[in-house]
Every structure is written in structure tokens, then in C-alpha cells.
PDB file of N, CA and C in Angstrom:
ATOM      1  N   UNK A   1     -47.763 -66.242  48.704  1.00  0.00           N
ATOM      2  CA  UNK A   1     -48.164 -65.475  47.400  1.00  0.00           C
ATOM      3  C   UNK A   1     -48.683 -64.200  47.694  1.00  0.00           C
ATOM      4  N   UNK A   2     -48.225 -63.277  46.711  1.00  0.00           N
ATOM      5  CA  UNK A   2     -48.851 -61.897  46.920  1.00  0.00           C
ATOM      6  C   UNK A   2     -50.344 -61.765  46.478  1.00  0.00           C
ATOM      7  N   UNK A   3     -51.023 -60.827  47.375  1.00  0.00           N
ATOM      8  CA  UNK A   3     -52.517 -60.790  47.209  1.00  0.00           C
ATOM      9  C   UNK A   3     -52.707 -59.803  46.112  1.00  0.00           C
ATOM     10  N   UNK A   4     -53.728 -60.092  45.169  1.00  0.00           N
ATOM     11  CA  UNK A   4     -54.004 -59.193  44.165  1.00  0.00           C
ATOM     12  C   UNK A   4     -54.680 -57.783  44.633  1.00  0.00           C
ATOM     13  N   UNK A   5     -54.064 -56.542  44.031  1.00  0.00           N
ATOM     14  CA  UNK A   5     -54.404 -55.486  44.454  1.00  0.00           C
ATOM     15  C   UNK A   5     -55.690 -54.791  43.736  1.00  0.00           C
ATOM     16  N   UNK A   6     -55.926 -55.611  42.551  1.00  0.00           N
ATOM     17  CA  UNK A   6     -57.328 -55.129  42.013  1.00  0.00           C
ATOM     18  C   UNK A   6     -58.001 -56.211  41.309  1.00  0.00           C
ATOM     19  N   UNK A   7     -59.171 -56.049  40.876  1.00  0.00           N
ATOM     20  CA  UNK A   7     -59.969 -56.991  40.307  1.00  0.00           C
ATOM     21  C   UNK A   7     -60.813 -56.192  39.275  1.00  0.00           C
ATOM     22  N   UNK A   8     -60.794 -56.564  37.865  1.00  0.00           N
ATOM     23  CA  UNK A   8     -61.503 -55.990  36.949  1.00  0.00           C
ATOM     24  C   UNK A   8     -62.693 -56.855  36.425  1.00  0.00           C
ATOM     25  N   UNK A   9     -63.691 -56.321  36.433  1.00  0.00           N
ATOM     26  CA  UNK A   9     -64.903 -57.109  35.877  1.00  0.00           C
ATOM     27  C   UNK A   9     -65.963 -56.455  34.811  1.00  0.00           C
ATOM     28  N   UNK A  10     -66.278 -57.069  33.814  1.00  0.00           N
ATOM     29  CA  UNK A  10     -67.295 -56.517  32.826  1.00  0.00           C
ATOM     30  C   UNK A  10     -68.624 -56.129  33.666  1.00  0.00           C
ATOM     31  N   UNK A  11     -69.303 -55.213  33.330  1.00  0.00           N
ATOM     32  CA  UNK A  11     -70.377 -54.588  33.897  1.00  0.00           C
ATOM     33  C   UNK A  11     -71.502 -55.781  33.987  1.00  0.00           C
ATOM     34  N   UNK A  12     -71.797 -56.406  32.992  1.00  0.00           N
ATOM     35  CA  UNK A  12     -72.820 -57.526  32.957  1.00  0.00           C
ATOM     36  C   UNK A  12     -72.506 -58.687  33.820  1.00  0.00           C
ATOM     37  N   UNK A  13     -71.357 -58.945  34.143  1.00  0.00           N
ATOM     38  CA  UNK A  13     -70.869 -59.880  35.185  1.00  0.00           C
ATOM     39  C   UNK A  13     -70.833 -59.219  36.508  1.00  0.00           C
ATOM     40  N   UNK A  14     -70.363 -58.090  36.568  1.00  0.00           N
ATOM     41  CA  UNK A  14     -70.275 -57.469  38.035  1.00  0.00           C
ATOM     42  C   UNK A  14     -71.589 -57.352  38.768  1.00  0.00           C
ATOM     43  N   UNK A  15     -72.692 -57.111  38.042  1.00  0.00           N
ATOM     44  CA  UNK A  15     -74.036 -56.864  38.775  1.00  0.00           C
ATOM     45  C   UNK A  15     -75.039 -58.253  38.863  1.00  0.00           C
ATOM     46  N   UNK A  16     -74.395 -59.327  38.413  1.00  0.00           N
ATOM     47  CA  UNK A  16     -74.966 -60.645  38.415  1.00  0.00           C
ATOM     48  C   UNK A  16     -73.878 -61.467  38.682  1.00  0.00           C
ATOM     49  N   UNK A  17     -73.269 -61.323  39.839  1.00  0.00           N
ATOM     50  CA  UNK A  17     -72.133 -62.389  40.069  1.00  0.00           C
ATOM     51  C   UNK A  17     -72.465 -63.719  40.407  1.00  0.00           C
ATOM     52  N   UNK A  18     -72.014 -64.906  39.784  1.00  0.00           N
ATOM     53  CA  UNK A  18     -72.101 -66.104  39.970  1.00  0.00           C
ATOM     54  C   UNK A  18     -71.666 -66.330  41.674  1.00  0.00           C
ATOM     55  N   UNK A  19     -72.309 -67.276  42.268  1.00  0.00           N
ATOM     56  CA  UNK A  19     -72.167 -67.452  43.598  1.00  0.00           C
ATOM     57  C   UNK A  19     -70.558 -67.755  44.027  1.00  0.00           C
ATOM     58  N   UNK A  20     -69.715 -68.600  43.133  1.00  0.00           N
ATOM     59  CA  UNK A  20     -68.559 -68.733  43.611  1.00  0.00           C
ATOM     60  C   UNK A  20     -67.636 -67.451  43.496  1.00  0.00           C
ATOM     61  N   UNK A  21     -67.812 -66.803  42.594  1.00  0.00           N
ATOM     62  CA  UNK A  21     -67.218 -65.440  42.414  1.00  0.00           C
ATOM     63  C   UNK A  21     -67.595 -64.417  43.490  1.00  0.00           C
ATOM     64  N   UNK A  22     -68.786 -64.475  43.729  1.00  0.00           N
ATOM     65  CA  UNK A  22     -69.456 -63.411  44.947  1.00  0.00           C
ATOM     66  C   UNK A  22     -68.589 -64.041  46.443  1.00  0.00           C
ATOM     67  N   UNK A  23     -68.464 -65.066  46.519  1.00  0.00           N
ATOM     68  CA  UNK A  23     -67.825 -65.734  47.750  1.00  0.00           C
ATOM     69  C   UNK A  23     -66.428 -65.525  47.917  1.00  0.00           C
ATOM     70  N   UNK A  24     -65.848 -65.402  46.716  1.00  0.00           N
ATOM     71  CA  UNK A  24     -64.377 -65.054  46.627  1.00  0.00           C
ATOM     72  C   UNK A  24     -64.006 -63.674  46.568  1.00  0.00           C
ATOM     73  N   UNK A  25     -64.908 -62.628  45.978  1.00  0.00           N
ATOM     74  CA  UNK A  25     -64.825 -61.271  46.345  1.00  0.00           C
ATOM     75  C   UNK A  25     -65.301 -60.593  47.646  1.00  0.00           C
ATOM     76  N   UNK A  26     -65.953 -61.302  48.431  1.00  0.00           N
ATOM     77  CA  UNK A  26     -66.671 -61.092  49.669  1.00  0.00           C
ATOM     78  C   UNK A  26     -65.727 -60.384  50.364  1.00  0.00           C
ATOM     79  N   UNK A  27     -64.595 -60.992  50.853  1.00  0.00           N
ATOM     80  CA  UNK A  27     -63.524 -60.382  51.557  1.00  0.00           C
ATOM     81  C   UNK A  27     -62.229 -59.606  50.988  1.00  0.00           C
ATOM     82  N   UNK A  28     -62.364 -59.278  49.689  1.00  0.00           N
ATOM     83  CA  UNK A  28     -61.522 -58.880  48.721  1.00  0.00           C
ATOM     84  C   UNK A  28     -61.492 -57.407  49.122  1.00  0.00           C
ATOM     85  N   UNK A  29     -60.225 -56.780  49.694  1.00  0.00           N
ATOM     86  CA  UNK A  29     -60.148 -55.521  50.134  1.00  0.00           C
ATOM     87  C   UNK A  29     -59.387 -54.446  49.085  1.00  0.00           C
ATOM     88  N   UNK A  30     -59.008 -54.832  47.925  1.00  0.00           N
ATOM     89  CA  UNK A  30     -58.500 -54.341  46.911  1.00  0.00           C
ATOM     90  C   UNK A  30     -59.352 -53.291  46.196  1.00  0.00           C
ATOM     91  N   UNK A  31     -59.062 -52.745  45.076  1.00  0.00           N
ATOM     92  CA  UNK A  31     -59.704 -51.988  44.197  1.00  0.00           C
ATOM     93  C   UNK A  31     -60.523 -52.818  43.200  1.00  0.00           C
ATOM     94  N   UNK A  32     -61.851 -52.470  43.135  1.00  0.00           N
ATOM     95  CA  UNK A  32     -62.903 -53.222  42.212  1.00  0.00           C
ATOM     96  C   UNK A  32     -63.181 -52.227  41.330  1.00  0.00           C
ATOM     97  N   UNK A  33     -62.942 -52.613  39.909  1.00  0.00           N
ATOM     98  CA  UNK A  33     -63.248 -51.888  38.704  1.00  0.00           C
ATOM     99  C   UNK A  33     -64.352 -52.647  38.098  1.00  0.00           C
ATOM    100  N   UNK A  34     -65.240 -51.818  37.468  1.00  0.00           N
ATOM    101  CA  UNK A  34     -66.399 -52.337  36.534  1.00  0.00           C
ATOM    102  C   UNK A  34     -66.018 -51.495  35.419  1.00  0.00           C
ATOM    103  N   UNK A  35     -66.060 -52.411  34.301  1.00  0.00           N
ATOM    104  CA  UNK A  35     -65.774 -51.734  32.877  1.00  0.00           C
ATOM    105  C   UNK A  35     -67.127 -52.153  32.073  1.00  0.00           C
ATOM    106  N   UNK A  36     -67.755 -50.887  31.460  1.00  0.00           N
ATOM    107  CA  UNK A  36     -68.998 -51.020  30.965  1.00  0.00           C
ATOM    108  C   UNK A  36     -68.885 -51.934  29.734  1.00  0.00           C
ATOM    109  N   UNK A  37     -70.002 -52.841  29.591  1.00  0.00           N
ATOM    110  CA  UNK A  37     -70.178 -53.613  28.458  1.00  0.00           C
ATOM    111  C   UNK A  37     -71.633 -54.048  28.249  1.00  0.00           C
ATOM    112  N   UNK A  38     -72.163 -53.751  27.139  1.00  0.00           N
ATOM    113  CA  UNK A  38     -73.572 -53.852  26.904  1.00  0.00           C
ATOM    114  C   UNK A  38     -73.801 -55.289  26.931  1.00  0.00           C
ATOM    115  N   UNK A  39     -75.182 -55.739  27.380  1.00  0.00           N
ATOM    116  CA  UNK A  39     -75.364 -57.172  27.690  1.00  0.00           C
ATOM    117  C   UNK A  39     -76.808 -57.235  27.193  1.00  0.00           C
ATOM    118  N   UNK A  40     -77.185 -58.021  26.247  1.00  0.00           N
ATOM    119  CA  UNK A  40     -78.521 -58.437  25.856  1.00  0.00           C
ATOM    120  C   UNK A  40     -79.255 -57.040  25.605  1.00  0.00           C
ATOM    121  N   UNK A  41     -80.569 -56.979  26.158  1.00  0.00           N
ATOM    122  CA  UNK A  41     -81.141 -55.670  25.982  1.00  0.00           C
ATOM    123  C   UNK A  41     -80.768 -54.440  26.997  1.00  0.00           C
ATOM    124  N   UNK A  42     -79.888 -54.621  27.748  1.00  0.00           N
ATOM    125  CA  UNK A  42     -79.260 -53.345  28.507  1.00  0.00           C
ATOM    126  C   UNK A  42     -78.391 -52.741  27.586  1.00  0.00           C
ATOM    127  N   UNK A  43     -78.598 -51.222  27.707  1.00  0.00           N
ATOM    128  CA  UNK A  43     -77.781 -50.388  27.057  1.00  0.00           C
ATOM    129  C   UNK A  43     -76.985 -49.434  28.147  1.00  0.00           C
ATOM    130  N   UNK A  44     -75.858 -49.230  27.918  1.00  0.00           N
ATOM    131  CA  UNK A  44     -74.905 -48.272  28.775  1.00  0.00           C
ATOM    132  C   UNK A  44     -75.366 -46.773  28.424  1.00  0.00           C
ATOM    133  N   UNK A  45     -75.629 -45.991  29.235  1.00  0.00           N
ATOM    134  CA  UNK A  45     -76.010 -44.637  29.127  1.00  0.00           C
ATOM    135  C   UNK A  45     -74.499 -43.613  29.359  1.00  0.00           C
ATOM    136  N   UNK A  46     -74.556 -42.500  28.683  1.00  0.00           N
ATOM    137  CA  UNK A  46     -73.360 -41.663  28.928  1.00  0.00           C
ATOM    138  C   UNK A  46     -72.111 -42.159  28.282  1.00  0.00           C
ATOM    139  N   UNK A  47     -71.272 -41.257  28.075  1.00  0.00           N
ATOM    140  CA  UNK A  47     -70.123 -41.355  27.114  1.00  0.00           C
ATOM    141  C   UNK A  47     -69.121 -40.905  27.897  1.00  0.00           C
ATOM    142  N   UNK A  48     -68.078 -41.904  28.161  1.00  0.00           N
ATOM    143  CA  UNK A  48     -67.045 -41.628  29.317  1.00  0.00           C
ATOM    144  C   UNK A  48     -65.893 -40.801  28.347  1.00  0.00           C
ATOM    145  N   UNK A  49     -65.191 -40.021  29.010  1.00  0.00           N
ATOM    146  CA  UNK A  49     -64.271 -39.164  28.614  1.00  0.00           C
ATOM    147  C   UNK A  49     -63.128 -39.817  27.787  1.00  0.00           C
ATOM    148  N   UNK A  50     -62.784 -40.979  28.073  1.00  0.00           N
ATOM    149  CA  UNK A  50     -61.929 -41.893  27.782  1.00  0.00           C
ATOM    150  C   UNK A  50     -62.448 -43.397  27.430  1.00  0.00           C
ATOM    151  N   UNK A  51     -61.756 -44.141  26.768  1.00  0.00           N
ATOM    152  CA  UNK A  51     -62.329 -45.266  26.577  1.00  0.00           C
ATOM    153  C   UNK A  51     -62.373 -46.181  27.841  1.00  0.00           C
ATOM    154  N   UNK A  52     -63.406 -47.030  28.134  1.00  0.00           N
ATOM    155  CA  UNK A  52     -63.506 -47.629  29.479  1.00  0.00           C
ATOM    156  C   UNK A  52     -62.124 -48.720  29.705  1.00  0.00           C
ATOM    157  N   UNK A  53     -61.592 -49.249  28.782  1.00  0.00           N
ATOM    158  CA  UNK A  53     -60.296 -49.879  28.841  1.00  0.00           C
ATOM    159  C   UNK A  53     -59.181 -49.271  29.151  1.00  0.00           C
ATOM    160  N   UNK A  54     -59.091 -47.895  28.585  1.00  0.00           N
ATOM    161  CA  UNK A  54     -58.025 -47.115  28.889  1.00  0.00           C
ATOM    162  C   UNK A  54     -58.236 -46.669  30.430  1.00  0.00           C
ATOM    163  N   UNK A  55     -59.474 -46.331  30.709  1.00  0.00           N
ATOM    164  CA  UNK A  55     -59.612 -45.839  32.275  1.00  0.00           C
ATOM    165  C   UNK A  55     -59.121 -46.878  33.096  1.00  0.00           C
ATOM    166  N   UNK A  56     -59.641 -48.035  32.818  1.00  0.00           N
ATOM    167  CA  UNK A  56     -59.300 -49.297  33.787  1.00  0.00           C
ATOM    168  C   UNK A  56     -57.757 -49.512  33.752  1.00  0.00           C
ATOM    169  N   UNK A  57     -57.069 -49.327  32.697  1.00  0.00           N
ATOM    170  CA  UNK A  57     -55.501 -49.593  32.599  1.00  0.00           C
ATOM    171  C   UNK A  57     -55.039 -48.516  33.576  1.00  0.00           C
ATOM    172  N   UNK A  58     -55.552 -47.155  33.375  1.00  0.00           N
ATOM    173  CA  UNK A  58     -54.986 -46.180  34.117  1.00  0.00           C
ATOM    174  C   UNK A  58     -54.990 -46.250  35.653  1.00  0.00           C
ATOM    175  N   UNK A  59     -56.122 -46.671  36.098  1.00  0.00           N
ATOM    176  CA  UNK A  59     -56.203 -46.982  37.430  1.00  0.00           C
ATOM    177  C   UNK A  59     -55.699 -48.113  37.905  1.00  0.00           C
ATOM    178  N   UNK A  60     -55.571 -49.161  37.274  1.00  0.00           N
ATOM    179  CA  UNK A  60     -54.467 -50.351  37.562  1.00  0.00           C
ATOM    180  C   UNK A  60     -53.222 -49.943  37.509  1.00  0.00           C
ATOM    181  N   UNK A  61     -52.701 -49.214  36.599  1.00  0.00           N
ATOM    182  CA  UNK A  61     -51.184 -48.551  36.881  1.00  0.00           C
ATOM    183  C   UNK A  61     -51.138 -47.842  38.275  1.00  0.00           C
ATOM    184  N   UNK A  62     -52.190 -47.009  38.589  1.00  0.00           N
ATOM    185  CA  UNK A  62     -51.923 -46.068  39.641  1.00  0.00           C
ATOM    186  C   UNK A  62     -51.790 -47.151  40.917  1.00  0.00           C
ATOM    187  N   UNK A  63     -52.700 -48.201  41.001  1.00  0.00           N
ATOM    188  CA  UNK A  63     -52.845 -48.966  41.945  1.00  0.00           C
ATOM    189  C   UNK A  63     -51.493 -49.765  42.172  1.00  0.00           C
ATOM    190  N   UNK A  64     -50.826 -50.153  40.919  1.00  0.00           N
ATOM    191  CA  UNK A  64     -49.695 -51.001  41.024  1.00  0.00           C
ATOM    192  C   UNK A  64     -48.536 -50.069  41.429  1.00  0.00           C
ATOM    193  N   UNK A  65     -48.610 -48.681  41.081  1.00  0.00           N
ATOM    194  CA  UNK A  65     -47.556 -47.827  41.648  1.00  0.00           C
ATOM    195  C   UNK A  65     -47.753 -47.226  43.076  1.00  0.00           C
ATOM    196  N   UNK A  66     -48.812 -47.897  43.835  1.00  0.00           N
ATOM    197  CA  UNK A  66     -49.147 -47.710  45.118  1.00  0.00           C
ATOM    198  C   UNK A  66     -49.714 -46.248  45.378  1.00  0.00           C
ATOM    199  N   UNK A  67     -50.444 -45.679  44.284  1.00  0.00           N
ATOM    200  CA  UNK A  67     -50.992 -44.463  44.377  1.00  0.00           C
ATOM    201  C   UNK A  67     -52.672 -44.828  44.518  1.00  0.00           C
ATOM    202  N   UNK A  68     -53.337 -43.856  45.105  1.00  0.00           N
ATOM    203  CA  UNK A  68     -54.833 -43.876  45.406  1.00  0.00           C
ATOM    204  C   UNK A  68     -55.418 -43.853  43.833  1.00  0.00           C
ATOM    205  N   UNK A  69     -56.328 -44.736  43.687  1.00  0.00           N
ATOM    206  CA  UNK A  69     -57.115 -44.937  42.458  1.00  0.00           C
ATOM    207  C   UNK A  69     -57.977 -43.894  42.193  1.00  0.00           C
ATOM    208  N   UNK A  70     -57.648 -43.247  41.077  1.00  0.00           N
ATOM    209  CA  UNK A  70     -58.641 -42.047  40.655  1.00  0.00           C
ATOM    210  C   UNK A  70     -59.140 -42.362  39.398  1.00  0.00           C
ATOM    211  N   UNK A  71     -60.391 -42.498  39.392  1.00  0.00           N
ATOM    212  CA  UNK A  71     -61.206 -42.780  37.986  1.00  0.00           C
ATOM    213  C   UNK A  71     -61.457 -41.686  37.134  1.00  0.00           C
ATOM    214  N   UNK A  72     -61.027 -40.303  37.527  1.00  0.00           N
ATOM    215  CA  UNK A  72     -61.104 -39.375  36.585  1.00  0.00           C
ATOM    216  C   UNK A  72     -62.379 -38.425  36.693  1.00  0.00           C
ATOM    217  N   UNK A  73     -62.845 -37.648  36.022  1.00  0.00           N
ATOM    218  CA  UNK A  73     -63.971 -36.662  36.150  1.00  0.00           C
ATOM    219  C   UNK A  73     -63.460 -35.425  36.879  1.00  0.00           C
ATOM    220  N   UNK A  74     -64.098 -34.490  36.602  1.00  0.00           N
ATOM    221  CA  UNK A  74     -63.841 -33.122  37.124  1.00  0.00           C
ATOM    222  C   UNK A  74     -64.328 -33.005  38.406  1.00  0.00           C
ATOM    223  N   UNK A  75     -63.722 -32.513  39.625  1.00  0.00           N
ATOM    224  CA  UNK A  75     -64.316 -32.154  40.974  1.00  0.00           C
ATOM    225  C   UNK A  75     -65.051 -31.208  40.773  1.00  0.00           C
ATOM    226  N   UNK A  76     -66.336 -31.268  41.725  1.00  0.00           N
ATOM    227  CA  UNK A  76     -67.495 -30.051  41.720  1.00  0.00           C
ATOM    228  C   UNK A  76     -66.885 -28.942  42.124  1.00  0.00           C
ATOM    229  N   UNK A  77     -65.750 -28.714  43.030  1.00  0.00           N
ATOM    230  CA  UNK A  77     -65.252 -27.624  43.544  1.00  0.00           C
ATOM    231  C   UNK A  77     -64.639 -26.592  42.454  1.00  0.00           C
ATOM    232  N   UNK A  78     -64.072 -27.652  41.232  1.00  0.00           N
ATOM    233  CA  UNK A  78     -63.329 -26.868  40.324  1.00  0.00           C
ATOM    234  C   UNK A  78     -64.471 -26.227  39.367  1.00  0.00           C
ATOM    235  N   UNK A  79     -65.549 -27.037  38.949  1.00  0.00           N
ATOM    236  CA  UNK A  79     -66.490 -26.473  38.266  1.00  0.00           C
ATOM    237  C   UNK A  79     -67.164 -25.207  38.927  1.00  0.00           C
ATOM    238  N   UNK A  80     -67.237 -25.143  40.185  1.00  0.00           N
ATOM    239  CA  UNK A  80     -67.988 -23.851  40.855  1.00  0.00           C
ATOM    240  C   UNK A  80     -66.763 -22.657  40.682  1.00  0.00           C
ATOM    241  N   UNK A  81     -65.410 -23.083  40.771  1.00  0.00           N
ATOM    242  CA  UNK A  81     -64.551 -21.896  40.499  1.00  0.00           C
ATOM    243  C   UNK A  81     -64.483 -21.410  39.012  1.00  0.00           C
ATOM    244  N   UNK A  82     -64.730 -22.350  38.022  1.00  0.00           N
ATOM    245  CA  UNK A  82     -64.643 -21.837  36.638  1.00  0.00           C
ATOM    246  C   UNK A  82     -66.038 -21.071  36.654  1.00  0.00           C
ATOM    247  N   UNK A  83     -67.210 -21.140  37.211  1.00  0.00           N
ATOM    248  CA  UNK A  83     -68.398 -20.655  37.032  1.00  0.00           C
ATOM    249  C   UNK A  83     -68.382 -19.155  37.619  1.00  0.00           C
ATOM    250  N   UNK A  84     -67.785 -19.165  38.823  1.00  0.00           N
ATOM    251  CA  UNK A  84     -67.566 -17.944  39.456  1.00  0.00           C
ATOM    252  C   UNK A  84     -66.570 -17.008  38.815  1.00  0.00           C
ATOM    253  N   UNK A  85     -65.455 -17.697  38.256  1.00  0.00           N
ATOM    254  CA  UNK A  85     -64.541 -16.883  37.438  1.00  0.00           C
ATOM    255  C   UNK A  85     -65.227 -16.251  36.079  1.00  0.00           C
ATOM    256  N   UNK A  86     -66.034 -17.008  35.598  1.00  0.00           N
ATOM    257  CA  UNK A  86     -66.923 -16.430  34.353  1.00  0.00           C
ATOM    258  C   UNK A  86     -67.681 -15.340  34.987  1.00  0.00           C
ATOM    259  N   UNK A  87     -68.322 -15.583  36.053  1.00  0.00           N
ATOM    260  CA  UNK A  87     -69.302 -14.464  36.401  1.00  0.00           C
ATOM    261  C   UNK A  87     -68.578 -13.057  36.864  1.00  0.00           C
ATOM    262  N   UNK A  88     -67.407 -13.381  37.091  1.00  0.00           N
ATOM    263  CA  UNK A  88     -66.600 -12.049  37.680  1.00  0.00           C
ATOM    264  C   UNK A  88     -65.799 -11.623  36.278  1.00  0.00           C
ATOM    265  N   UNK A  89     -65.244 -12.405  35.676  1.00  0.00           N
ATOM    266  CA  UNK A  89     -64.401 -12.170  34.397  1.00  0.00           C
ATOM    267  C   UNK A  89     -65.144 -11.489  33.559  1.00  0.00           C
ATOM    268  N   UNK A  90     -66.274 -11.948  33.024  1.00  0.00           N
ATOM    269  CA  UNK A  90     -66.959 -11.490  31.836  1.00  0.00           C
ATOM    270  C   UNK A  90     -67.356  -9.997  32.018  1.00  0.00           C
ATOM    271  N   UNK A  91     -67.992  -9.625  33.033  1.00  0.00           N
ATOM    272  CA  UNK A  91     -68.323  -8.174  33.135  1.00  0.00           C
ATOM    273  C   UNK A  91     -67.140  -7.443  33.282  1.00  0.00           C
ATOM    274  N   UNK A  92     -66.111  -7.919  33.740  1.00  0.00           N
ATOM    275  CA  UNK A  92     -64.841  -6.937  33.928  1.00  0.00           C
ATOM    276  C   UNK A  92     -64.208  -7.015  32.389  1.00  0.00           C
ATOM    277  N   UNK A  93     -64.176  -7.868  31.720  1.00  0.00           N
ATOM    278  CA  UNK A  93     -63.806  -7.789  30.390  1.00  0.00           C
ATOM    279  C   UNK A  93     -64.600  -7.076  29.463  1.00  0.00           C
ATOM    280  N   UNK A  94     -65.997  -6.960  29.535  1.00  0.00           N
ATOM    281  CA  UNK A  94     -66.947  -6.046  28.811  1.00  0.00           C
ATOM    282  C   UNK A  94     -66.752  -4.655  29.320  1.00  0.00           C
ATOM    283  N   UNK A  95     -66.695  -4.300  30.504  1.00  0.00           N
ATOM    284  CA  UNK A  95     -66.228  -3.223  30.983  1.00  0.00           C
ATOM    285  C   UNK A  95     -64.937  -2.390  30.506  1.00  0.00           C
ATOM    286  N   UNK A  96     -63.909  -3.248  30.513  1.00  0.00           N
ATOM    287  CA  UNK A  96     -62.814  -2.881  29.624  1.00  0.00           C
ATOM    288  C   UNK A  96     -62.737  -2.612  28.287  1.00  0.00           C
ATOM    289  N   UNK A  97     -63.436  -3.506  27.461  1.00  0.00           N
ATOM    290  CA  UNK A  97     -63.892  -3.208  26.047  1.00  0.00           C
ATOM    291  C   UNK A  97     -64.560  -2.001  25.878  1.00  0.00           C
ATOM    292  N   UNK A  98     -65.600  -1.642  26.678  1.00  0.00           N
ATOM    293  CA  UNK A  98     -66.275  -0.451  26.533  1.00  0.00           C
ATOM    294  C   UNK A  98     -65.498   0.851  26.735  1.00  0.00           C
ATOM    295  N   UNK A  99     -64.520   0.608  27.910  1.00  0.00           N
ATOM    296  CA  UNK A  99     -63.742   1.729  28.074  1.00  0.00           C
ATOM    297  C   UNK A  99     -62.890   2.120  27.048  1.00  0.00           C
ATOM    298  N   UNK A 100     -62.296   1.008  26.439  1.00  0.00           N
ATOM    299  CA  UNK A 100     -61.266   1.227  25.132  1.00  0.00           C
ATOM    300  C   UNK A 100     -62.097   1.798  24.117  1.00  0.00           C
ATOM    301  N   UNK A 101     -63.268   1.330  23.750  1.00  0.00           N
ATOM    302  CA  UNK A 101     -64.009   1.939  22.896  1.00  0.00           C
ATOM    303  C   UNK A 101     -64.583   3.267  22.775  1.00  0.00           C
ATOM    304  N   UNK A 102     -64.784   3.603  24.095  1.00  0.00           N
ATOM    305  CA  UNK A 102     -65.051   5.124  24.496  1.00  0.00           C
ATOM    306  C   UNK A 102     -63.961   5.877  24.397  1.00  0.00           C
ATOM    307  N   UNK A 103     -62.812   5.405  24.572  1.00  0.00           N
ATOM    308  CA  UNK A 103     -61.590   6.483  24.482  1.00  0.00           C
ATOM    309  C   UNK A 103     -61.352   6.774  23.229  1.00  0.00           C
ATOM    310  N   UNK A 104     -61.687   5.877  22.104  1.00  0.00           N
ATOM    311  CA  UNK A 104     -61.470   5.918  20.731  1.00  0.00           C
ATOM    312  C   UNK A 104     -62.493   6.759  19.972  1.00  0.00           C
ATOM    313  N   UNK A 105     -63.712   6.903  20.772  1.00  0.00           N
ATOM    314  CA  UNK A 105     -64.649   7.542  19.772  1.00  0.00           C
ATOM    315  C   UNK A 105     -64.734   9.003  20.406  1.00  0.00           C
TER     316      UNK A 105
END
């Protein structure tokens, strides 16, 4: 029988696994996904870009297609590129606007 590629658990169960499930997942080498779900007095912080179920479905599709599981988010290097582009581009744009305005006055 084929081995499962991924397991999806709600957060309230994932962080308090029953002994039988903990034993079964001990040797599991596939992708482990935790979908946020409020439990009791615990609240979840942060707002994901997509619904957690949609993110889980996307990752499961990626795994089923043999791709690496990507959970989303913007890489840090890309944020740095955006900041550098803004720091270089804004003064250049202001300089061009100033030159155009001085040419017409």
C-alpha cells in the first residue's frame, strides 16, 4: 500500500497529540501541516493572506504533484529589494520632476 505524503492536523490537536497519534507520527517522513483552529480560551494571532484551508489545499496539491511544499509568504530578500528600489527610485523620481518643473518655469 502507498505511504501517505502528508498529514493535516488542526492546531488544537497538533499541539496536544494523543499518545497513539504521537506514536504513529513519530516515524512519519511526509509533510506535516497544521491548520489554525481556535480552541477553548486560546486565540490565534495574525491573519494569514489566504484562508488556512485554502493554504492547506495548495500545499497538498504541491505535494501530490511532487513539488516542494511552499507555505507562502514573501521572502526576506524580496522585501529588501523593494526597500532598496524605493530608496533609490524615489529620489531619482523627485529629481526628474524637479527638472521638469524648472524647465517650464
